[in-house]
Amino acid sequence: MNRTIYSSNHRLRLRVKHDQDPENPRDWNTFGTMVCWHSRYILGDEQPGQSPDDFLLSLAEEFDPDIERRIDAYAEEMWIRLKLNSDWRSDEARLRAHAAWVESFQSEQVDAALAGNVFWLPLYLYDHGGLTMRPGPFSCPWDSGQVGLIYVTKQHADQVLPKLKGETQVEWEQRINGLLRVEVADYDQFLTGEVYGYLLESLDVERMKVDESPEDFDDEPFMWRLEDSCWGFVGDDLRTNGMLDHLESPIKDWVSQAL
């Protein structure tokens, strides 16, 4: 979205343009932590060298230090049972069954440790002529898939977004979920190039001839002086991306009327 908005006397204009060098919103003071795995792109805040399952296990261990010992004990016990069971035709079949059971047990243990301690949303990426991200699957399974998650611990949420007076636990968690979704939306707009800035310019009326009008110089950049500029507004709606609020009156007034 590139657009130009003129004042009523056509002597001032606000040119809204794409930000060609936008700041990554993940460099801001963010609420959640965005963790991503991708073979070609560096996405989010962290790109762990460990697998997603191992990452979640290490995160769960912060709240349940005994979790890894229980998983190891379960794995050992199940392998002994499998070896004593003569119904299995081969060691390969035993190994496959053992891996599936341990994986399922680990998933249950991790979910139990994170429940109530971590709030998170899955992150899905669509890669086809550009990147776009959202906290849910896309309709196209070939060019999209889950690439990570965004999460916040309960302890951090308590500090940054404390529960309001009279607010229920469900309502508080909905606010947490909503803020995580806002951060994903901001990052998506960064990925898709939906970041803008403005140039506030004034017409050099002293160079105009008597028989000329301001409209004659819309396409004459040398007739316009730069008065102000600002960049990094995320989203194409001037009312909601902060651009309109950033402007001062009376500029804000005539820009608002033109929207």
Protein backbone atom coordinates (compact mmCIF):
# COMPACT_ATOMS: atom_id res chain seq x y z
CA MET A 1 0.00 0.00 0.00
CA ASN A 2 1.59 3.21 -1.24
CA ARG A 3 -0.72 6.21 -1.03
CA THR A 4 -0.57 10.00 -0.84
CA ILE A 5 -2.95 12.10 1.25
CA TYR A 6 -3.22 15.86 0.67
CA SER A 7 -4.38 18.62 2.98
CA SER A 8 -7.47 20.60 1.98
CA ASN A 9 -5.38 23.44 0.49
CA HIS A 10 -3.10 20.90 -1.23
CA ARG A 11 -0.02 22.49 0.30
CA LEU A 12 0.82 19.60 2.59
CA ARG A 13 0.90 15.91 1.80
CA LEU A 14 1.56 12.68 3.61
CA ARG A 15 3.14 9.99 1.47
CA VAL A 16 2.70 6.50 2.94
CA LYS A 17 5.26 4.03 1.60
CA HIS A 18 6.57 0.54 2.26
CA ASP A 19 9.41 0.44 4.75
CA GLN A 20 12.32 -0.96 2.73
CA ASP A 21 14.41 -1.77 5.80
CA PRO A 22 11.93 -2.66 8.55
CA GLU A 23 12.96 -3.55 12.06
CA ASN A 24 12.29 -7.14 13.03
CA PRO A 25 9.51 -7.09 15.67
CA ARG A 26 11.25 -9.97 17.42
CA ASP A 27 13.96 -7.46 18.35
CA TRP A 28 11.38 -5.54 20.38
CA ASN A 29 10.62 -6.16 24.04
CA THR A 30 8.44 -9.18 23.30
CA PHE A 31 6.06 -11.05 25.58
CA GLY A 32 6.51 -14.56 24.19
CA THR A 33 9.49 -16.53 22.95
CA MET A 34 9.29 -17.75 19.35
CA VAL A 35 11.16 -21.01 18.73
CA CYS A 36 11.49 -22.27 15.14
CA TRP A 37 13.12 -25.07 13.17
CA HIS A 38 13.76 -24.61 9.44
CA SER A 39 16.50 -25.87 7.15
CA ARG A 40 16.68 -22.70 5.01
CA TYR A 41 15.35 -19.76 7.01
CA ILE A 42 16.30 -18.23 10.34
CA LEU A 43 12.94 -17.57 11.96
CA GLY A 44 11.73 -16.32 15.33
CA ASP A 45 13.86 -15.74 18.42
CA GLU A 46 15.57 -19.11 18.85
CA GLN A 47 16.63 -21.88 16.48
CA PRO A 48 17.61 -24.77 18.78
CA GLY A 49 20.12 -27.35 17.67
CA GLN A 50 18.10 -30.03 19.45
CA SER A 51 14.97 -31.63 18.03
CA PRO A 52 11.53 -30.23 18.89
CA ASP A 53 10.85 -33.19 21.20
CA ASP A 54 14.16 -32.72 23.03
CA PHE A 55 13.54 -28.98 23.32
CA LEU A 56 10.12 -29.54 24.89
CA LEU A 57 11.64 -32.12 27.23
CA SER A 58 14.31 -29.66 28.39
CA LEU A 59 11.61 -27.00 28.88
CA ALA A 60 9.47 -29.45 30.87
CA GLU A 61 12.48 -30.34 33.02
CA GLU A 62 12.51 -26.75 34.35
CA PHE A 63 9.19 -27.51 36.07
CA ASP A 64 9.65 -31.23 36.70
CA PRO A 65 13.34 -32.02 37.38
CA ASP A 66 12.59 -35.75 37.77
CA ILE A 67 10.95 -36.17 34.35
CA GLU A 68 13.97 -37.50 32.46
CA ARG A 69 14.71 -40.10 35.15
CA ARG A 70 11.10 -41.39 34.92
CA ILE A 71 11.27 -41.61 31.14
CA ASP A 72 14.56 -43.53 31.28
CA ALA A 73 13.14 -45.89 33.91
CA TYR A 74 10.03 -46.47 31.80
CA ALA A 75 12.14 -47.15 28.70
CA GLU A 76 14.25 -49.71 30.56
CA GLU A 77 11.23 -51.44 32.08
CA MET A 78 9.41 -51.69 28.75
CA TRP A 79 12.48 -53.11 27.01
CA ILE A 80 12.80 -55.83 29.64
CA ARG A 81 9.12 -56.72 29.17
CA LEU A 82 9.55 -56.86 25.40
CA LYS A 83 12.56 -59.15 25.62
CA LEU A 84 10.69 -61.52 27.94
CA ASN A 85 7.71 -61.63 25.57
CA SER A 86 8.27 -64.40 23.04
CA ASP A 87 5.41 -63.25 20.80
CA TRP A 88 7.65 -60.77 18.98
CA ARG A 89 9.10 -62.24 15.80
CA SER A 90 12.24 -60.07 15.61
CA ASP A 91 14.35 -57.55 17.50
CA GLU A 92 13.50 -55.00 14.82
CA ALA A 93 9.80 -55.27 15.65
CA ARG A 94 10.60 -54.97 19.35
CA LEU A 95 12.67 -51.82 18.70
CA ARG A 96 9.87 -50.19 16.72
CA ALA A 97 7.31 -50.96 19.41
CA HIS A 98 9.65 -49.80 22.15
CA ALA A 99 10.35 -46.48 20.40
CA ALA A 100 6.63 -45.82 19.90
CA TRP A 101 5.76 -46.58 23.52
CA VAL A 102 8.57 -44.44 24.93
CA GLU A 103 7.68 -41.59 22.60
CA SER A 104 4.06 -41.72 23.74
CA PHE A 105 5.05 -41.87 27.41
CA GLN A 106 7.46 -38.95 27.02
CA SER A 107 4.79 -36.87 25.28
CA GLU A 108 2.35 -37.52 28.14
CA GLN A 109 4.94 -36.60 30.75
CA VAL A 110 5.98 -33.41 28.94
CA ASP A 111 2.36 -32.30 28.48
CA ALA A 112 1.68 -32.85 32.18
CA ALA A 113 4.78 -30.87 33.21
CA LEU A 114 4.00 -27.93 30.93
CA ALA A 115 0.29 -27.77 31.73
CA GLY A 116 -0.37 -24.67 33.82
CA ASN A 117 3.29 -23.66 33.68
CA VAL A 118 3.64 -22.74 29.99
CA PHE A 119 1.17 -21.16 27.57
CA TRP A 120 1.95 -21.74 23.92
CA LEU A 121 0.69 -21.70 20.34
CA PRO A 122 1.94 -23.71 17.35
CA LEU A 123 3.52 -21.80 14.46
CA TYR A 124 2.84 -22.75 10.85
CA LEU A 125 4.72 -21.36 7.84
CA TYR A 126 3.47 -21.09 4.25
CA ASP A 127 6.33 -20.82 1.75
CA HIS A 128 5.28 -20.12 -1.81
CA GLY A 129 6.66 -17.02 -3.51
CA GLY A 130 7.07 -15.49 -0.05
CA LEU A 131 6.69 -16.38 3.59
CA THR A 132 3.66 -16.03 5.81
CA MET A 133 3.11 -17.36 9.33
CA ARG A 134 0.14 -17.96 11.59
CA PRO A 135 -0.76 -19.97 14.72
CA GLY A 136 -2.70 -22.60 12.80
CA PRO A 137 -2.40 -24.83 9.73
CA PHE A 138 -2.82 -23.59 6.16
CA SER A 139 -5.09 -25.25 3.62
CA CYS A 140 -2.15 -26.20 1.36
CA PRO A 141 -0.23 -29.16 2.85
CA TRP A 142 2.52 -29.14 0.22
CA ASP A 143 3.98 -25.66 0.81
CA SER A 144 3.23 -25.35 4.51
CA GLY A 145 3.74 -27.05 7.83
CA GLN A 146 4.48 -26.50 11.49
CA VAL A 147 7.85 -24.82 12.06
CA GLY A 148 7.79 -24.17 15.78
CA LEU A 149 5.91 -22.55 18.62
CA ILE A 150 5.60 -19.33 20.58
CA TYR A 151 5.39 -19.70 24.35
CA VAL A 152 5.45 -17.80 27.61
CA THR A 153 5.93 -19.22 31.08
CA LYS A 154 3.30 -18.62 33.76
CA GLN A 155 5.94 -16.90 35.89
CA HIS A 156 6.74 -14.37 33.14
CA ALA A 157 3.06 -13.83 32.34
CA ASP A 158 2.39 -13.13 36.04
CA GLN A 159 5.05 -10.40 35.97
CA VAL A 160 4.23 -8.77 32.64
CA LEU A 161 0.49 -9.37 32.34
CA PRO A 162 -0.84 -9.88 35.88
CA LYS A 163 -4.39 -11.01 36.44
CA LEU A 164 -6.87 -8.15 36.73
CA LYS A 165 -9.13 -7.70 39.73
CA GLY A 166 -12.14 -9.98 39.32
CA GLU A 167 -10.66 -11.70 36.29
CA THR A 168 -11.10 -15.47 36.12
CA GLN A 169 -8.30 -17.88 35.24
CA VAL A 170 -9.95 -18.59 31.89
CA GLU A 171 -10.21 -14.88 31.08
CA TRP A 172 -6.59 -14.31 32.05
CA GLU A 173 -5.41 -17.18 29.84
CA GLN A 174 -7.48 -15.77 26.98
CA ARG A 175 -5.63 -12.45 27.32
CA ILE A 176 -2.30 -14.30 27.30
CA ASN A 177 -3.36 -16.24 24.21
CA GLY A 178 -4.50 -13.03 22.54
CA LEU A 179 -1.19 -11.27 23.14
CA LEU A 180 0.75 -14.23 21.74
CA ARG A 181 -1.48 -14.10 18.64
CA VAL A 182 -0.79 -10.37 18.24
CA GLU A 183 2.95 -11.05 18.29
CA VAL A 184 2.57 -13.75 15.63
CA ALA A 185 0.50 -11.35 13.51
CA ASP A 186 3.17 -8.63 13.84
CA TYR A 187 5.87 -11.07 12.81
CA ASP A 188 3.78 -12.30 9.89
CA GLN A 189 3.37 -8.73 8.62
CA PHE A 190 7.13 -8.28 8.90
CA LEU A 191 7.66 -11.46 6.84
CA THR A 192 5.13 -10.36 4.20
CA GLY A 193 6.51 -6.81 3.97
CA GLU A 194 3.45 -5.14 5.49
CA VAL A 195 5.53 -2.49 7.26
CA TYR A 196 5.16 1.18 6.37
CA GLY A 197 6.43 4.68 6.97
CA TYR A 198 5.46 8.19 5.99
CA LEU A 199 7.00 11.29 4.47
CA LEU A 200 5.38 14.58 5.45
CA GLU A 201 6.10 17.17 2.77
CA SER A 202 5.18 20.83 2.19
CA LEU A 203 4.80 22.52 -1.16
CA ASP A 204 7.34 25.23 -1.92
CA VAL A 205 4.71 27.86 -2.77
CA GLU A 206 7.31 30.60 -3.20
CA ARG A 207 8.42 28.92 -6.42
CA MET A 208 4.92 28.82 -7.85
CA LYS A 209 3.86 31.25 -10.56
CA VAL A 210 0.72 33.31 -10.24
CA ASP A 211 -1.25 31.24 -12.73
CA GLU A 212 -0.22 27.89 -11.20
CA SER A 213 -2.17 25.85 -8.63
CA PRO A 214 -0.86 23.37 -6.03
CA GLU A 215 -2.41 20.45 -7.93
CA ASP A 216 -0.05 21.15 -10.85
CA PHE A 217 2.90 19.87 -8.82
CA ASP A 218 1.71 16.47 -7.59
CA ASP A 219 4.30 14.76 -9.81
CA GLU A 220 7.08 17.31 -9.33
CA PRO A 221 9.20 16.07 -6.38
CA PHE A 222 11.55 19.08 -6.53
CA MET A 223 8.65 21.31 -5.47
CA TRP A 224 8.12 19.48 -2.16
CA ARG A 225 10.19 19.90 1.00
CA LEU A 226 10.52 17.11 3.54
CA GLU A 227 9.20 18.21 6.93
CA ASP A 228 9.09 14.94 8.84
CA SER A 229 9.29 11.18 8.39
CA CYS A 230 8.87 8.07 10.49
CA TRP A 231 9.03 4.33 9.74
CA GLY A 232 8.25 0.96 11.22
CA PHE A 233 4.45 0.97 11.39
CA VAL A 234 3.25 -2.64 11.15
CA GLY A 235 0.10 -3.22 9.11
CA ASP A 236 -1.60 -1.23 6.34
CA ASP A 237 -4.34 0.39 8.43
CA LEU A 238 -3.19 3.84 9.54
CA ARG A 239 -5.77 3.81 12.34
CA THR A 240 -4.50 0.64 13.98
CA ASN A 241 -0.79 0.53 13.08
CA GLY A 242 0.02 3.61 15.19
CA MET A 243 0.75 6.01 12.34
CA LEU A 244 -2.34 8.17 12.83
CA ASP A 245 -1.70 8.45 16.58
CA HIS A 246 1.90 9.43 15.87
CA LEU A 247 0.85 12.48 13.85
CA GLU A 248 0.11 15.78 15.54
CA SER A 249 -2.85 18.06 14.92
CA PRO A 250 -3.83 19.59 12.56
CA ILE A 251 -2.04 17.06 10.33
CA LYS A 252 -3.70 14.17 12.15
CA ASP A 253 -7.10 15.79 11.59
CA TRP A 254 -6.98 16.09 7.80
CA VAL A 255 -5.32 12.70 7.40
CA SER A 256 -8.04 11.13 9.55
CA GLN A 257 -10.76 12.77 7.47
CA ALA A 258 -9.25 11.35 4.29
CA LEU A 259 -9.26 7.75 5.54
